[in-house]
């Protein structure tokens, strides 16, 4: 059975950046039968779980359609941490990575339990296995590592969230060097225990041809967005702004953000909630400044991952709210 949803505006946002044409965005309530508990992005496909799984697609005249279909299963590692998955990519260098060595030595519990990871595992394109274990003073306070070529050498590095028991979280990048899995760059820890950050996305946000990492420091208490890039063998911060969140405390959902090119200029924008998770904000990074392109009120609090459907008219963002409703946001 296919369900069609016409485009009906129920909430309006507006363009806020200087030097760009004013444009309206709208949020459409999706009439689903059950409460929405998850949204998953798999490549270019978006799936919503509302009691059962539905695949979201674009039908005639730009309408959203839904059909019963489960997303592909996520690979879970043997001996991994609860809710941890395997990240995979093609190419040279690391092609698979995951967390292992479950430990309760930190006890922060920001991801819903006291179990974090003590080691990082990786497999290269030749099938060789690598392991890197942290000392007793640190953990990986994360669920699934991320693969991206951060230094432009054609081989993927691994982006992680590493926390010190006495100093809180940091962004840490690992890569294969001299036949070993080694740290190649890291930000400073947040400075005190039980302070966390969440990675919001990896893309060339600045348009300079190099990948950048967007992260939110302390997403539950104010939330500072920072953009970091890998230059001359180390991480450098290139932009920052206050007032954002991409996580619900105690949740295992880390995907409250999305990446999409909203204006077709070839440089992607970042979409993520404000600090209260009641607005979706669309942001661009230019010359060390984060500009807000749009802010759309959603009529609730965003709690699920944010999916993106590409259309000739621009992206459609799909997300679930705290009360079980789902909405889609698009430019009018």
C-alpha atoms as a PDB file:
ATOM      1  CA  UNK A   1       0.000   0.000   0.000  1.00  0.00           C
ATOM      2  CA  UNK A   2       1.273   3.489  -0.897  1.00  0.00           C
ATOM      3  CA  UNK A   3       0.328   6.542   1.183  1.00  0.00           C
ATOM      4  CA  UNK A   4       0.537   9.984  -0.444  1.00  0.00           C
ATOM      5  CA  UNK A   5       1.046  13.248   1.419  1.00  0.00           C
ATOM      6  CA  UNK A   6       0.369  16.546  -0.284  1.00  0.00           C
ATOM      7  CA  UNK A   7       2.546  19.542   0.495  1.00  0.00           C
ATOM      8  CA  UNK A   8       0.570  21.594   3.028  1.00  0.00           C
ATOM      9  CA  UNK A   9       2.300  24.411   4.895  1.00  0.00           C
ATOM     10  CA  UNK A  10       1.721  24.374   8.651  1.00  0.00           C
ATOM     11  CA  UNK A  11       4.748  26.279  10.011  1.00  0.00           C
ATOM     12  CA  UNK A  12       6.893  28.836   8.206  1.00  0.00           C
ATOM     13  CA  UNK A  13      10.539  29.756   8.644  1.00  0.00           C
ATOM     14  CA  UNK A  14      12.523  32.487   6.934  1.00  0.00           C
ATOM     15  CA  UNK A  15      15.909  33.194   5.447  1.00  0.00           C
ATOM     16  CA  UNK A  16      18.157  35.091   7.826  1.00  0.00           C
ATOM     17  CA  UNK A  17      21.570  35.404   6.195  1.00  0.00           C
ATOM     18  CA  UNK A  18      22.847  38.674   4.820  1.00  0.00           C
ATOM     19  CA  UNK A  19      23.517  38.841   1.096  1.00  0.00           C
ATOM     20  CA  UNK A  20      21.069  36.103   0.058  1.00  0.00           C
ATOM     21  CA  UNK A  21      17.577  36.320  -1.385  1.00  0.00           C
ATOM     22  CA  UNK A  22      14.706  35.872   1.024  1.00  0.00           C
ATOM     23  CA  UNK A  23      13.058  32.455   0.733  1.00  0.00           C
ATOM     24  CA  UNK A  24      10.389  30.692   2.747  1.00  0.00           C
ATOM     25  CA  UNK A  25      10.553  27.174   4.096  1.00  0.00           C
ATOM     26  CA  UNK A  26       7.639  25.169   5.442  1.00  0.00           C
ATOM     27  CA  UNK A  27       7.091  22.243   7.805  1.00  0.00           C
ATOM     28  CA  UNK A  28       4.501  19.655   6.796  1.00  0.00           C
ATOM     29  CA  UNK A  29       2.938  17.289   9.333  1.00  0.00           C
ATOM     30  CA  UNK A  30       3.053  13.717   8.050  1.00  0.00           C
ATOM     31  CA  UNK A  31      -0.202  11.788   8.686  1.00  0.00           C
ATOM     32  CA  UNK A  32       1.240   8.492   9.885  1.00  0.00           C
ATOM     33  CA  UNK A  33      -0.844   5.986  11.819  1.00  0.00           C
ATOM     34  CA  UNK A  34       1.641   5.198  14.596  1.00  0.00           C
ATOM     35  CA  UNK A  35       4.081   7.109  16.754  1.00  0.00           C
ATOM     36  CA  UNK A  36       7.385   7.792  15.031  1.00  0.00           C
ATOM     37  CA  UNK A  37      10.327   6.442  17.024  1.00  0.00           C
ATOM     38  CA  UNK A  38      13.133   6.359  14.456  1.00  0.00           C
ATOM     39  CA  UNK A  39      14.296   7.886  11.193  1.00  0.00           C
ATOM     40  CA  UNK A  40      17.141   6.279   9.236  1.00  0.00           C
ATOM     41  CA  UNK A  41      19.131   7.509   6.252  1.00  0.00           C
ATOM     42  CA  UNK A  42      20.604   4.768   4.059  1.00  0.00           C
ATOM     43  CA  UNK A  43      22.412   6.323   1.126  1.00  0.00           C
ATOM     44  CA  UNK A  44      19.808   8.486  -0.614  1.00  0.00           C
ATOM     45  CA  UNK A  45      16.870   6.621   0.964  1.00  0.00           C
ATOM     46  CA  UNK A  46      14.932   7.658   4.080  1.00  0.00           C
ATOM     47  CA  UNK A  47      13.004   5.272   6.331  1.00  0.00           C
ATOM     48  CA  UNK A  48      10.584   6.088   9.178  1.00  0.00           C
ATOM     49  CA  UNK A  49       9.588   3.690  11.951  1.00  0.00           C
ATOM     50  CA  UNK A  50       5.995   4.347  13.009  1.00  0.00           C
ATOM     51  CA  UNK A  51       5.185   1.026  14.719  1.00  0.00           C
ATOM     52  CA  UNK A  52       6.465  -0.582  11.504  1.00  0.00           C
ATOM     53  CA  UNK A  53       9.055   0.625   9.006  1.00  0.00           C
ATOM     54  CA  UNK A  54       8.083   2.769   6.011  1.00  0.00           C
ATOM     55  CA  UNK A  55      10.237   3.974   3.136  1.00  0.00           C
ATOM     56  CA  UNK A  56       9.744   7.629   2.234  1.00  0.00           C
ATOM     57  CA  UNK A  57       9.925   8.620  -1.427  1.00  0.00           C
ATOM     58  CA  UNK A  58       8.954  11.414  -3.803  1.00  0.00           C
ATOM     59  CA  UNK A  59       5.865  10.755  -5.905  1.00  0.00           C
ATOM     60  CA  UNK A  60       4.052  12.775  -8.578  1.00  0.00           C
ATOM     61  CA  UNK A  61       3.948  16.566  -8.188  1.00  0.00           C
ATOM     62  CA  UNK A  62       6.486  16.479  -5.352  1.00  0.00           C
ATOM     63  CA  UNK A  63       4.238  14.616  -2.939  1.00  0.00           C
ATOM     64  CA  UNK A  64       5.759  12.401  -0.264  1.00  0.00           C
ATOM     65  CA  UNK A  65       4.778   8.745  -0.451  1.00  0.00           C
ATOM     66  CA  UNK A  66       5.241   5.954   2.067  1.00  0.00           C
ATOM     67  CA  UNK A  67       5.351   2.209   1.517  1.00  0.00           C
ATOM     68  CA  UNK A  68       6.009  -0.606   3.987  1.00  0.00           C
ATOM     69  CA  UNK A  69       9.682  -1.523   3.740  1.00  0.00           C
ATOM     70  CA  UNK A  70      12.398  -2.242   6.255  1.00  0.00           C
ATOM     71  CA  UNK A  71      15.798  -0.560   5.890  1.00  0.00           C
ATOM     72  CA  UNK A  72      18.848  -2.770   5.386  1.00  0.00           C
ATOM     73  CA  UNK A  73      20.132  -4.344   8.584  1.00  0.00           C
ATOM     74  CA  UNK A  74      22.995  -2.555  10.318  1.00  0.00           C
ATOM     75  CA  UNK A  75      26.131  -4.623  10.855  1.00  0.00           C
ATOM     76  CA  UNK A  76      26.869  -5.276  14.526  1.00  0.00           C
ATOM     77  CA  UNK A  77      30.352  -6.364  15.633  1.00  0.00           C
ATOM     78  CA  UNK A  78      31.007  -9.422  17.754  1.00  0.00           C
ATOM     79  CA  UNK A  79      32.291  -8.316  21.130  1.00  0.00           C
ATOM     80  CA  UNK A  80      31.250  -4.722  20.522  1.00  0.00           C
ATOM     81  CA  UNK A  81      29.463  -2.275  22.789  1.00  0.00           C
ATOM     82  CA  UNK A  82      25.665  -2.053  23.229  1.00  0.00           C
ATOM     83  CA  UNK A  83      24.056  -0.324  20.207  1.00  0.00           C
ATOM     84  CA  UNK A  84      27.427  -0.064  18.476  1.00  0.00           C
ATOM     85  CA  UNK A  85      27.608  -0.672  14.712  1.00  0.00           C
ATOM     86  CA  UNK A  86      30.286  -1.241  12.071  1.00  0.00           C
ATOM     87  CA  UNK A  87      31.108   1.687   9.780  1.00  0.00           C
ATOM     88  CA  UNK A  88      32.156   0.709   6.242  1.00  0.00           C
ATOM     89  CA  UNK A  89      33.508   2.420   3.142  1.00  0.00           C
ATOM     90  CA  UNK A  90      35.318   1.512  -0.062  1.00  0.00           C
ATOM     91  CA  UNK A  91      38.727   2.567  -1.297  1.00  0.00           C
ATOM     92  CA  UNK A  92      42.150   2.140   0.236  1.00  0.00           C
ATOM     93  CA  UNK A  93      43.152   2.288   3.864  1.00  0.00           C
ATOM     94  CA  UNK A  94      40.560   1.531   6.535  1.00  0.00           C
ATOM     95  CA  UNK A  95      37.382   0.042   5.070  1.00  0.00           C
ATOM     96  CA  UNK A  96      35.649  -1.095   8.282  1.00  0.00           C
ATOM     97  CA  UNK A  97      35.818   0.139  11.868  1.00  0.00           C
ATOM     98  CA  UNK A  98      33.997  -0.344  15.163  1.00  0.00           C
ATOM     99  CA  UNK A  99      34.371  -0.007  18.934  1.00  0.00           C
ATOM    100  CA  UNK A 100      35.202  -2.910  21.234  1.00  0.00           C
ATOM    101  CA  UNK A 101      36.257  -3.713  24.809  1.00  0.00           C
ATOM    102  CA  UNK A 102      33.091  -2.676  26.715  1.00  0.00           C
ATOM    103  CA  UNK A 103      33.888  -0.956  30.005  1.00  0.00           C
ATOM    104  CA  UNK A 104      32.003   0.814  32.805  1.00  0.00           C
ATOM    105  CA  UNK A 105      35.012   2.749  34.092  1.00  0.00           C
ATOM    106  CA  UNK A 106      33.573   6.167  33.162  1.00  0.00           C
ATOM    107  CA  UNK A 107      29.938   6.003  34.268  1.00  0.00           C
ATOM    108  CA  UNK A 108      28.715   9.215  32.606  1.00  0.00           C
ATOM    109  CA  UNK A 109      25.798   7.422  30.915  1.00  0.00           C
ATOM    110  CA  UNK A 110      25.026  10.159  28.385  1.00  0.00           C
ATOM    111  CA  UNK A 111      24.129   7.505  25.770  1.00  0.00           C
ATOM    112  CA  UNK A 112      21.666   5.648  27.981  1.00  0.00           C
ATOM    113  CA  UNK A 113      23.888   3.246  29.901  1.00  0.00           C
ATOM    114  CA  UNK A 114      27.244   3.200  31.721  1.00  0.00           C
ATOM    115  CA  UNK A 115      28.980   1.049  29.089  1.00  0.00           C
ATOM    116  CA  UNK A 116      31.538   2.745  26.839  1.00  0.00           C
ATOM    117  CA  UNK A 117      34.352   1.388  24.654  1.00  0.00           C
ATOM    118  CA  UNK A 118      37.969   0.859  25.589  1.00  0.00           C
ATOM    119  CA  UNK A 119      39.321   0.072  22.141  1.00  0.00           C
ATOM    120  CA  UNK A 120      38.981   0.913  18.451  1.00  0.00           C
ATOM    121  CA  UNK A 121      39.079  -1.799  15.785  1.00  0.00           C
ATOM    122  CA  UNK A 122      39.780  -1.415  12.066  1.00  0.00           C
ATOM    123  CA  UNK A 123      40.155  -3.552   8.945  1.00  0.00           C
ATOM    124  CA  UNK A 124      42.044  -2.354   5.874  1.00  0.00           C
ATOM    125  CA  UNK A 125      41.349  -3.088   2.200  1.00  0.00           C
ATOM    126  CA  UNK A 126      43.684  -6.118   2.336  1.00  0.00           C
ATOM    127  CA  UNK A 127      41.704  -7.627   5.215  1.00  0.00           C
ATOM    128  CA  UNK A 128      44.282  -6.905   7.930  1.00  0.00           C
ATOM    129  CA  UNK A 129      42.881  -6.295  11.423  1.00  0.00           C
ATOM    130  CA  UNK A 130      44.137  -3.459  13.643  1.00  0.00           C
ATOM    131  CA  UNK A 131      43.353  -2.637  17.271  1.00  0.00           C
ATOM    132  CA  UNK A 132      44.097   0.427  19.374  1.00  0.00           C
ATOM    133  CA  UNK A 133      43.326   0.258  23.105  1.00  0.00           C
ATOM    134  CA  UNK A 134      43.011   3.286  25.347  1.00  0.00           C
ATOM    135  CA  UNK A 135      44.568   3.459  28.769  1.00  0.00           C
ATOM    136  CA  UNK A 136      42.505   3.261  31.987  1.00  0.00           C
ATOM    137  CA  UNK A 137      41.979   7.030  32.048  1.00  0.00           C
ATOM    138  CA  UNK A 138      39.956   7.271  28.798  1.00  0.00           C
ATOM    139  CA  UNK A 139      37.037   5.730  26.875  1.00  0.00           C
ATOM    140  CA  UNK A 140      35.359   6.143  23.526  1.00  0.00           C
ATOM    141  CA  UNK A 141      32.058   7.797  24.502  1.00  0.00           C
ATOM    142  CA  UNK A 142      30.459   7.033  21.158  1.00  0.00           C
ATOM    143  CA  UNK A 143      28.585   4.256  19.362  1.00  0.00           C
ATOM    144  CA  UNK A 144      29.875   4.006  15.795  1.00  0.00           C
ATOM    145  CA  UNK A 145      33.104   5.550  14.438  1.00  0.00           C
ATOM    146  CA  UNK A 146      33.037   7.551  11.174  1.00  0.00           C
ATOM    147  CA  UNK A 147      35.209   6.991   8.097  1.00  0.00           C
ATOM    148  CA  UNK A 148      36.434   9.934   6.015  1.00  0.00           C
ATOM    149  CA  UNK A 149      39.612  10.958   4.171  1.00  0.00           C
ATOM    150  CA  UNK A 150      40.539  13.888   6.400  1.00  0.00           C
ATOM    151  CA  UNK A 151      44.070  14.554   5.063  1.00  0.00           C
ATOM    152  CA  UNK A 152      43.377  14.088   1.342  1.00  0.00           C
ATOM    153  CA  UNK A 153      45.755  11.166   0.830  1.00  0.00           C
ATOM    154  CA  UNK A 154      43.087   8.900  -0.652  1.00  0.00           C
ATOM    155  CA  UNK A 155      42.857   6.715   2.455  1.00  0.00           C
ATOM    156  CA  UNK A 156      40.084   6.953   5.040  1.00  0.00           C
ATOM    157  CA  UNK A 157      40.763   8.076   8.584  1.00  0.00           C
ATOM    158  CA  UNK A 158      38.525   7.381  11.595  1.00  0.00           C
ATOM    159  CA  UNK A 159      36.727  10.164  13.478  1.00  0.00           C
ATOM    160  CA  UNK A 160      35.841   9.300  17.085  1.00  0.00           C
ATOM    161  CA  UNK A 161      34.580  10.834  20.324  1.00  0.00           C
ATOM    162  CA  UNK A 162      37.111  10.088  23.052  1.00  0.00           C
ATOM    163  CA  UNK A 163      36.543  11.068  26.676  1.00  0.00           C
ATOM    164  CA  UNK A 164      39.006  11.371  29.527  1.00  0.00           C
ATOM    165  CA  UNK A 165      37.672  10.366  32.924  1.00  0.00           C
ATOM    166  CA  UNK A 166      39.099  13.565  34.412  1.00  0.00           C
ATOM    167  CA  UNK A 167      38.646  15.917  31.453  1.00  0.00           C
ATOM    168  CA  UNK A 168      35.582  15.108  29.349  1.00  0.00           C
ATOM    169  CA  UNK A 169      35.206  14.585  25.615  1.00  0.00           C
ATOM    170  CA  UNK A 170      37.364  15.453  22.614  1.00  0.00           C
ATOM    171  CA  UNK A 171      37.295  14.833  18.876  1.00  0.00           C
ATOM    172  CA  UNK A 172      40.053  12.330  18.048  1.00  0.00           C
ATOM    173  CA  UNK A 173      41.155  11.227  14.555  1.00  0.00           C
ATOM    174  CA  UNK A 174      42.952   7.927  13.937  1.00  0.00           C
ATOM    175  CA  UNK A 175      44.652   6.614  10.811  1.00  0.00           C
ATOM    176  CA  UNK A 176      46.949   3.867   9.588  1.00  0.00           C
ATOM    177  CA  UNK A 177      50.555   4.958   9.987  1.00  0.00           C
ATOM    178  CA  UNK A 178      53.595   2.685   9.745  1.00  0.00           C
ATOM    179  CA  UNK A 179      51.447  -0.429   9.882  1.00  0.00           C
ATOM    180  CA  UNK A 180      49.607   0.669  13.027  1.00  0.00           C
ATOM    181  CA  UNK A 181      46.414   2.439  14.009  1.00  0.00           C
ATOM    182  CA  UNK A 182      47.565   5.753  15.481  1.00  0.00           C
ATOM    183  CA  UNK A 183      46.096   9.057  16.614  1.00  0.00           C
ATOM    184  CA  UNK A 184      46.859  11.720  14.005  1.00  0.00           C
ATOM    185  CA  UNK A 185      44.938  14.639  15.514  1.00  0.00           C
ATOM    186  CA  UNK A 186      42.695  15.596  18.413  1.00  0.00           C
ATOM    187  CA  UNK A 187      41.002  18.607  19.960  1.00  0.00           C
ATOM    188  CA  UNK A 188      41.552  19.482  23.599  1.00  0.00           C
ATOM    189  CA  UNK A 189      39.197  17.763  26.057  1.00  0.00           C
ATOM    190  CA  UNK A 190      36.302  19.905  27.280  1.00  0.00           C
ATOM    191  CA  UNK A 191      38.066  20.364  30.610  1.00  0.00           C
ATOM    192  CA  UNK A 192      35.980  18.534  33.203  1.00  0.00           C
ATOM    193  CA  UNK A 193      34.364  15.112  33.664  1.00  0.00           C
ATOM    194  CA  UNK A 194      30.881  14.414  32.299  1.00  0.00           C
ATOM    195  CA  UNK A 195      31.143  16.985  29.528  1.00  0.00           C
ATOM    196  CA  UNK A 196      30.452  15.558  26.081  1.00  0.00           C
ATOM    197  CA  UNK A 197      30.397  16.498  22.416  1.00  0.00           C
ATOM    198  CA  UNK A 198      28.633  14.971  19.420  1.00  0.00           C
ATOM    199  CA  UNK A 199      29.812  14.975  15.812  1.00  0.00           C
ATOM    200  CA  UNK A 200      27.189  16.580  13.544  1.00  0.00           C
ATOM    201  CA  UNK A 201      28.659  15.760  10.138  1.00  0.00           C
ATOM    202  CA  UNK A 202      31.679  15.513   7.862  1.00  0.00           C
ATOM    203  CA  UNK A 203      31.723  17.414   4.559  1.00  0.00           C
ATOM    204  CA  UNK A 204      33.495  20.250   2.764  1.00  0.00           C
ATOM    205  CA  UNK A 205      31.471  22.943   4.537  1.00  0.00           C
ATOM    206  CA  UNK A 206      33.915  25.723   3.690  1.00  0.00           C
ATOM    207  CA  UNK A 207      34.192  24.977  -0.036  1.00  0.00           C
ATOM    208  CA  UNK A 208      38.006  24.776  -0.044  1.00  0.00           C
ATOM    209  CA  UNK A 209      38.184  21.184  -1.292  1.00  0.00           C
ATOM    210  CA  UNK A 210      39.026  19.668   2.111  1.00  0.00           C
ATOM    211  CA  UNK A 211      36.713  17.790   4.419  1.00  0.00           C
ATOM    212  CA  UNK A 212      35.623  19.498   7.634  1.00  0.00           C
ATOM    213  CA  UNK A 213      34.104  18.064  10.808  1.00  0.00           C
ATOM    214  CA  UNK A 214      31.140  19.806  12.421  1.00  0.00           C
ATOM    215  CA  UNK A 215      30.599  19.049  16.106  1.00  0.00           C
ATOM    216  CA  UNK A 216      28.458  20.318  18.974  1.00  0.00           C
ATOM    217  CA  UNK A 217      30.180  20.803  22.311  1.00  0.00           C
ATOM    218  CA  UNK A 218      27.877  20.209  25.325  1.00  0.00           C
ATOM    219  CA  UNK A 219      24.688  19.706  23.243  1.00  0.00           C
ATOM    220  CA  UNK A 220      22.565  19.470  26.425  1.00  0.00           C
ATOM    221  CA  UNK A 221      23.754  22.721  28.019  1.00  0.00           C
ATOM    222  CA  UNK A 222      23.851  25.551  25.513  1.00  0.00           C
ATOM    223  CA  UNK A 223      25.515  23.780  22.625  1.00  0.00           C
ATOM    224  CA  UNK A 224      28.452  25.315  20.759  1.00  0.00           C
ATOM    225  CA  UNK A 225      28.802  24.443  17.072  1.00  0.00           C
ATOM    226  CA  UNK A 226      32.409  24.231  15.881  1.00  0.00           C
ATOM    227  CA  UNK A 227      33.847  23.463  12.443  1.00  0.00           C
ATOM    228  CA  UNK A 228      37.251  21.745  12.403  1.00  0.00           C
ATOM    229  CA  UNK A 229      39.548  20.850   9.504  1.00  0.00           C
ATOM    230  CA  UNK A 230      42.796  18.907   9.159  1.00  0.00           C
ATOM    231  CA  UNK A 231      45.690  21.147   8.110  1.00  0.00           C
ATOM    232  CA  UNK A 232      49.442  20.563   8.143  1.00  0.00           C
ATOM    233  CA  UNK A 233      49.116  17.424  10.208  1.00  0.00           C
ATOM    234  CA  UNK A 234      46.791  18.747  12.908  1.00  0.00           C
ATOM    235  CA  UNK A 235      43.191  19.783  13.544  1.00  0.00           C
ATOM    236  CA  UNK A 236      42.343  23.482  13.299  1.00  0.00           C
ATOM    237  CA  UNK A 237      39.087  25.211  14.233  1.00  0.00           C
ATOM    238  CA  UNK A 238      37.801  27.402  11.402  1.00  0.00           C
ATOM    239  CA  UNK A 239      34.412  28.640  12.690  1.00  0.00           C
ATOM    240  CA  UNK A 240      32.063  28.483  15.681  1.00  0.00           C
ATOM    241  CA  UNK A 241      28.605  29.630  16.831  1.00  0.00           C
ATOM    242  CA  UNK A 242      26.479  29.237  19.956  1.00  0.00           C
ATOM    243  CA  UNK A 243      23.010  27.823  20.545  1.00  0.00           C
ATOM    244  CA  UNK A 244      22.640  24.350  19.006  1.00  0.00           C
ATOM    245  CA  UNK A 245      21.915  20.751  19.991  1.00  0.00           C
ATOM    246  CA  UNK A 246      22.115  17.410  18.180  1.00  0.00           C
ATOM    247  CA  UNK A 247      21.354  14.941  20.955  1.00  0.00           C
ATOM    248  CA  UNK A 248      18.735  14.067  23.570  1.00  0.00           C
ATOM    249  CA  UNK A 249      20.430  13.158  26.839  1.00  0.00           C
ATOM    250  CA  UNK A 250      20.228   9.411  27.503  1.00  0.00           C
ATOM    251  CA  UNK A 251      19.415   8.579  23.870  1.00  0.00           C
ATOM    252  CA  UNK A 252      21.365   6.281  21.555  1.00  0.00           C
ATOM    253  CA  UNK A 253      20.397   8.428  18.554  1.00  0.00           C
ATOM    254  CA  UNK A 254      23.389  10.550  17.506  1.00  0.00           C
ATOM    255  CA  UNK A 255      22.057  11.662  14.103  1.00  0.00           C
ATOM    256  CA  UNK A 256      20.092  14.843  14.856  1.00  0.00           C
ATOM    257  CA  UNK A 257      21.696  16.661  11.935  1.00  0.00           C
ATOM    258  CA  UNK A 258      21.823  16.531   8.146  1.00  0.00           C
ATOM    259  CA  UNK A 259      23.997  17.709   5.261  1.00  0.00           C
ATOM    260  CA  UNK A 260      22.553  19.045   1.990  1.00  0.00           C
ATOM    261  CA  UNK A 261      23.366  21.568  -0.720  1.00  0.00           C
ATOM    262  CA  UNK A 262      20.288  23.804  -0.538  1.00  0.00           C
ATOM    263  CA  UNK A 263      21.247  26.300  -3.246  1.00  0.00           C
ATOM    264  CA  UNK A 264      23.045  24.146  -5.817  1.00  0.00           C
ATOM    265  CA  UNK A 265      26.402  25.926  -5.508  1.00  0.00           C
ATOM    266  CA  UNK A 266      28.274  22.678  -4.839  1.00  0.00           C
ATOM    267  CA  UNK A 267      29.061  23.496  -1.203  1.00  0.00           C
ATOM    268  CA  UNK A 268      26.885  21.672   1.338  1.00  0.00           C
ATOM    269  CA  UNK A 269      24.982  23.329   4.167  1.00  0.00           C
ATOM    270  CA  UNK A 270      24.496  21.887   7.648  1.00  0.00           C
ATOM    271  CA  UNK A 271      20.999  21.437   9.108  1.00  0.00           C
ATOM    272  CA  UNK A 272      20.601  20.891  12.842  1.00  0.00           C
ATOM    273  CA  UNK A 273      18.307  21.831  15.732  1.00  0.00           C
ATOM    274  CA  UNK A 274      18.659  24.907  17.888  1.00  0.00           C
ATOM    275  CA  UNK A 275      19.551  24.426  21.565  1.00  0.00           C
ATOM    276  CA  UNK A 276      15.933  23.703  22.504  1.00  0.00           C
ATOM    277  CA  UNK A 277      15.405  21.392  19.516  1.00  0.00           C
ATOM    278  CA  UNK A 278      12.241  23.338  18.560  1.00  0.00           C
ATOM    279  CA  UNK A 279      13.678  24.780  15.331  1.00  0.00           C
ATOM    280  CA  UNK A 280      15.617  23.338  12.444  1.00  0.00           C
ATOM    281  CA  UNK A 281      18.368  25.735  11.419  1.00  0.00           C
ATOM    282  CA  UNK A 282      20.151  25.595   8.079  1.00  0.00           C
ATOM    283  CA  UNK A 283      23.683  26.956   8.183  1.00  0.00           C
ATOM    284  CA  UNK A 284      26.490  27.789   5.790  1.00  0.00           C
ATOM    285  CA  UNK A 285      30.165  28.468   6.496  1.00  0.00           C
ATOM    286  CA  UNK A 286      31.981  31.242   4.650  1.00  0.00           C
ATOM    287  CA  UNK A 287      35.295  32.945   5.477  1.00  0.00           C
ATOM    288  CA  UNK A 288      35.327  31.703   9.055  1.00  0.00           C
ATOM    289  CA  UNK A 289      31.725  32.752   9.768  1.00  0.00           C
ATOM    290  CA  UNK A 290      28.681  30.519  10.283  1.00  0.00           C
ATOM    291  CA  UNK A 291      25.629  32.152   8.662  1.00  0.00           C
ATOM    292  CA  UNK A 292      22.052  31.100   9.273  1.00  0.00           C
ATOM    293  CA  UNK A 293      20.231  30.505   5.991  1.00  0.00           C
ATOM    294  CA  UNK A 294      16.884  29.508   7.503  1.00  0.00           C
ATOM    295  CA  UNK A 295      15.182  28.780  10.832  1.00  0.00           C
ATOM    296  CA  UNK A 296      12.011  26.687  10.748  1.00  0.00           C
ATOM    297  CA  UNK A 297       9.860  26.130  13.840  1.00  0.00           C
ATOM    298  CA  UNK A 298       8.764  22.485  14.028  1.00  0.00           C
ATOM    299  CA  UNK A 299       5.943  22.631  16.600  1.00  0.00           C
ATOM    300  CA  UNK A 300       7.689  20.318  19.076  1.00  0.00           C
ATOM    301  CA  UNK A 301      11.104  18.942  20.001  1.00  0.00           C
ATOM    302  CA  UNK A 302      13.179  17.027  17.468  1.00  0.00           C
ATOM    303  CA  UNK A 303      14.226  13.626  18.844  1.00  0.00           C
ATOM    304  CA  UNK A 304      15.062  11.396  15.859  1.00  0.00           C
ATOM    305  CA  UNK A 305      17.729  11.408  13.217  1.00  0.00           C
ATOM    306  CA  UNK A 306      17.134  13.848  10.357  1.00  0.00           C
ATOM    307  CA  UNK A 307      16.772  12.267   6.918  1.00  0.00           C
ATOM    308  CA  UNK A 308      17.305  14.074   3.601  1.00  0.00           C
ATOM    309  CA  UNK A 309      15.520  13.409   0.310  1.00  0.00           C
ATOM    310  CA  UNK A 310      17.046  15.050  -2.770  1.00  0.00           C
ATOM    311  CA  UNK A 311      14.674  16.607  -5.316  1.00  0.00           C
ATOM    312  CA  UNK A 312      15.237  18.889  -8.339  1.00  0.00           C
ATOM    313  CA  UNK A 313      13.683  21.707  -6.282  1.00  0.00           C
ATOM    314  CA  UNK A 314      16.013  21.151  -3.340  1.00  0.00           C
ATOM    315  CA  UNK A 315      16.300  18.904  -0.295  1.00  0.00           C
ATOM    316  CA  UNK A 316      13.440  17.742   1.929  1.00  0.00           C
ATOM    317  CA  UNK A 317      14.345  17.161   5.586  1.00  0.00           C
ATOM    318  CA  UNK A 318      12.378  14.458   7.456  1.00  0.00           C
ATOM    319  CA  UNK A 319      12.382  14.062  11.251  1.00  0.00           C
ATOM    320  CA  UNK A 320      10.373  12.832  14.241  1.00  0.00           C
ATOM    321  CA  UNK A 321       9.266  14.828  17.272  1.00  0.00           C
ATOM    322  CA  UNK A 322       9.113  14.025  20.977  1.00  0.00           C
ATOM    323  CA  UNK A 323       5.321  13.469  20.879  1.00  0.00           C
ATOM    324  CA  UNK A 324       5.579  10.872  18.091  1.00  0.00           C
ATOM    325  CA  UNK A 325       4.630  13.101  15.162  1.00  0.00           C
ATOM    326  CA  UNK A 326       6.783  13.371  12.045  1.00  0.00           C
ATOM    327  CA  UNK A 327       7.359  16.398   9.846  1.00  0.00           C
ATOM    328  CA  UNK A 328       9.002  17.226   6.532  1.00  0.00           C
ATOM    329  CA  UNK A 329      10.671  20.585   5.874  1.00  0.00           C
ATOM    330  CA  UNK A 330      11.211  21.978   2.398  1.00  0.00           C
ATOM    331  CA  UNK A 331      11.590  25.228   0.543  1.00  0.00           C
ATOM    332  CA  UNK A 332       8.307  26.505  -0.913  1.00  0.00           C
END
